[in-house]
N, C-alpha and C. Protein backbone atom coordinates (compact mmCIF):
# COMPACT_ATOMS: atom_id res chain seq x y z
N MET A 1 0.89 -1.14 0.02
CA MET A 1 0.12 0.08 0.03
C MET A 1 0.95 1.29 -0.02
N ASP A 2 0.68 2.17 -0.99
CA ASP A 2 1.48 3.39 -1.14
C ASP A 2 0.71 4.53 -0.53
N GLY A 3 -0.53 4.43 -0.16
CA GLY A 3 -1.32 5.66 0.46
C GLY A 3 -1.95 6.40 -0.48
N THR A 4 -2.29 5.96 -1.77
CA THR A 4 -2.72 7.07 -2.74
C THR A 4 -4.20 6.43 -2.98
N LYS A 5 -4.63 5.40 -2.69
CA LYS A 5 -6.05 4.74 -2.77
C LYS A 5 -6.79 4.78 -1.58
N ARG A 6 -7.92 5.63 -1.62
CA ARG A 6 -8.75 5.77 -0.59
C ARG A 6 -9.18 4.47 -0.04
N SER A 7 -9.58 3.58 -1.04
CA SER A 7 -10.26 2.08 -0.70
C SER A 7 -9.21 1.38 0.26
N ASP A 8 -7.95 1.60 0.35
CA ASP A 8 -6.89 1.13 1.00
C ASP A 8 -6.86 1.46 2.49
N ILE A 9 -7.49 2.47 2.84
CA ILE A 9 -7.21 3.01 4.00
C ILE A 9 -8.68 3.01 4.83
N LYS A 10 -8.58 2.55 6.12
CA LYS A 10 -9.86 2.47 6.99
C LYS A 10 -9.54 2.98 8.43
N PRO A 11 -10.42 3.67 9.10
CA PRO A 11 -10.27 4.05 10.46
C PRO A 11 -9.74 2.97 11.28
N GLY A 12 -8.79 3.11 12.08
CA GLY A 12 -8.22 2.19 13.04
C GLY A 12 -6.87 1.57 12.64
N MET A 13 -6.65 1.90 11.23
CA MET A 13 -5.23 1.43 10.73
C MET A 13 -4.19 2.22 11.25
N LYS A 14 -3.05 1.45 11.37
CA LYS A 14 -1.89 2.18 11.83
C LYS A 14 -0.95 2.53 10.65
N VAL A 15 -0.83 3.86 10.46
CA VAL A 15 -0.17 4.39 9.27
C VAL A 15 0.90 5.33 9.34
N VAL A 16 1.71 5.53 8.42
CA VAL A 16 2.75 6.67 8.59
C VAL A 16 2.34 7.78 7.57
N ILE A 17 2.30 9.02 8.08
CA ILE A 17 1.95 10.33 7.25
C ILE A 17 3.08 11.21 7.22
N VAL A 18 2.88 12.27 6.39
CA VAL A 18 3.73 13.35 6.30
C VAL A 18 2.82 14.60 6.52
N LEU A 19 3.15 15.32 7.68
CA LEU A 19 2.44 16.57 8.04
C LEU A 19 2.73 17.42 7.04
N LYS A 20 1.82 18.51 6.88
CA LYS A 20 2.09 19.79 5.96
C LYS A 20 3.30 20.37 6.31
N LYS A 21 3.84 20.50 7.70
CA LYS A 21 4.83 21.26 8.03
C LYS A 21 6.23 20.33 7.75
N ASP A 22 6.00 19.12 7.38
CA ASP A 22 7.26 18.37 7.15
C ASP A 22 7.35 17.95 5.82
N GLN A 23 6.55 18.47 4.86
CA GLN A 23 6.60 18.11 3.58
C GLN A 23 7.98 18.37 2.86
N ARG A 24 8.59 19.45 3.34
CA ARG A 24 9.90 19.80 2.44
C ARG A 24 11.11 18.64 2.98
N THR A 25 10.96 18.33 4.38
CA THR A 25 11.88 17.35 4.97
C THR A 25 11.43 16.00 4.67
N GLY A 26 10.23 15.65 4.56
CA GLY A 26 9.82 14.29 4.43
C GLY A 26 9.73 13.52 5.62
N LYS A 27 9.78 14.01 6.83
CA LYS A 27 9.82 13.52 8.07
C LYS A 27 8.42 12.80 8.21
N LEU A 28 8.43 11.59 8.71
CA LEU A 28 7.36 10.70 8.77
C LEU A 28 6.71 10.67 10.30
N THR A 29 5.40 10.86 10.42
CA THR A 29 4.66 10.65 11.58
C THR A 29 3.83 9.22 11.79
N GLU A 30 4.08 8.58 12.76
CA GLU A 30 3.11 7.34 12.89
C GLU A 30 2.01 7.54 13.71
N GLY A 31 0.83 7.00 13.40
CA GLY A 31 -0.33 7.06 14.11
C GLY A 31 -1.43 6.06 13.78
N VAL A 32 -2.69 6.23 14.33
CA VAL A 32 -3.64 5.45 13.94
C VAL A 32 -4.82 6.39 13.38
N VAL A 33 -5.47 6.01 12.15
CA VAL A 33 -6.46 6.83 11.44
C VAL A 33 -7.66 6.93 12.26
N LYS A 34 -7.96 8.12 12.39
CA LYS A 34 -9.48 8.38 12.93
C LYS A 34 -10.38 8.77 11.87
N ASP A 35 -10.16 9.73 11.00
CA ASP A 35 -10.99 10.14 9.99
C ASP A 35 -10.26 10.21 8.65
N ILE A 36 -10.79 9.81 7.49
CA ILE A 36 -10.30 9.91 6.15
C ILE A 36 -10.90 11.26 5.74
N LEU A 37 -10.01 12.20 5.28
CA LEU A 37 -10.49 13.65 4.83
C LEU A 37 -10.53 13.82 3.33
N THR A 38 -9.68 13.04 2.52
CA THR A 38 -9.73 13.04 1.00
C THR A 38 -11.11 12.49 0.68
N LYS A 39 -11.97 13.11 -0.27
CA LYS A 39 -13.17 12.47 -0.75
C LYS A 39 -12.91 11.81 -2.03
N SER A 40 -11.82 12.14 -2.89
CA SER A 40 -11.70 11.38 -4.15
C SER A 40 -11.23 9.90 -3.96
N PRO A 41 -11.62 9.15 -4.76
CA PRO A 41 -11.06 7.76 -4.62
C PRO A 41 -9.60 7.59 -4.80
N ASN A 42 -8.92 8.50 -5.20
CA ASN A 42 -7.32 8.41 -5.11
C ASN A 42 -6.66 9.82 -5.14
N HIS A 43 -5.51 9.98 -4.83
CA HIS A 43 -4.81 11.22 -4.75
C HIS A 43 -3.35 10.90 -5.12
N PRO A 44 -2.63 11.66 -5.86
CA PRO A 44 -1.16 11.20 -6.18
C PRO A 44 -0.34 11.61 -5.20
N HIS A 45 -0.58 12.42 -4.11
CA HIS A 45 0.49 12.65 -3.14
C HIS A 45 0.06 11.93 -1.70
N GLY A 46 -1.03 11.14 -1.71
CA GLY A 46 -1.37 10.44 -0.65
C GLY A 46 -2.85 10.89 -0.11
N ILE A 47 -3.69 9.96 0.31
CA ILE A 47 -4.93 10.36 1.12
C ILE A 47 -4.70 11.04 2.25
N LYS A 48 -5.32 12.15 2.53
CA LYS A 48 -5.36 13.01 3.59
C LYS A 48 -6.14 12.47 4.77
N VAL A 49 -5.63 12.17 5.92
CA VAL A 49 -6.34 11.57 7.19
C VAL A 49 -5.91 12.36 8.39
N ARG A 50 -6.85 12.33 9.30
CA ARG A 50 -6.79 12.97 10.85
C ARG A 50 -6.46 11.56 11.48
N LEU A 51 -5.25 11.85 12.21
CA LEU A 51 -4.95 10.74 13.34
C LEU A 51 -5.62 10.77 14.73
N GLU A 52 -5.63 9.95 15.46
CA GLU A 52 -6.35 10.03 16.76
C GLU A 52 -5.66 10.95 17.65
N SER A 53 -4.29 11.32 17.18
CA SER A 53 -3.77 12.38 18.00
C SER A 53 -4.09 13.76 17.49
N GLY A 54 -4.93 13.91 16.59
CA GLY A 54 -5.49 15.04 15.90
C GLY A 54 -4.70 15.64 14.91
N GLU A 55 -3.53 15.10 14.62
CA GLU A 55 -2.58 15.58 13.48
C GLU A 55 -3.08 15.18 12.10
N VAL A 56 -3.08 15.89 11.11
CA VAL A 56 -3.45 15.77 9.85
C VAL A 56 -2.29 15.81 8.74
N GLY A 57 -2.40 14.77 7.98
CA GLY A 57 -1.21 14.70 6.78
C GLY A 57 -1.75 13.47 5.91
N ARG A 58 -0.86 13.35 4.92
CA ARG A 58 -1.11 12.55 3.81
C ARG A 58 -0.37 11.13 3.98
N VAL A 59 -1.13 10.16 3.80
CA VAL A 59 -0.54 8.72 4.10
C VAL A 59 0.56 8.56 3.10
N LYS A 60 1.66 7.84 3.60
CA LYS A 60 2.58 7.38 2.90
C LYS A 60 2.98 5.97 2.86
N GLY A 61 2.14 5.31 3.82
CA GLY A 61 2.35 3.96 3.91
C GLY A 61 1.78 3.45 5.25
N GLN A 62 1.77 1.94 5.37
CA GLN A 62 1.02 1.43 6.48
C GLN A 62 2.07 0.76 7.38
N ARG A 63 1.80 0.78 8.78
CA ARG A 63 2.77 0.03 9.60
C ARG A 63 2.10 -1.27 10.07
N ALA A 64 2.82 -2.33 10.11
CA ALA A 64 2.14 -3.68 10.63
C ALA A 64 1.79 -3.62 12.16
N ARG A 65 0.86 -4.27 12.31
CA ARG A 65 0.51 -4.30 13.75
C ARG A 65 1.74 -4.68 14.61
N GLY A 66 1.74 -4.18 15.92
CA GLY A 66 2.94 -4.75 16.78
C GLY A 66 4.21 -4.09 16.44
N ILE A 67 4.22 -3.18 15.67
CA ILE A 67 5.48 -2.40 15.35
C ILE A 67 5.41 -1.14 16.00
């Protein structure tokens, strides 16, 4: 999963995102999806989500459970 297809992302999934402020550096933030904010079925830069922590960013990948 590369984070560009909305159908691949579900609330409760553990993912890594890039926050807006970290787009230049590419720093990743890990968290659990609370809400999916992108309405279109796909997005070339990643689906925008809100994490349970309240942070908002674009999904860059998924983390396996237990990691």
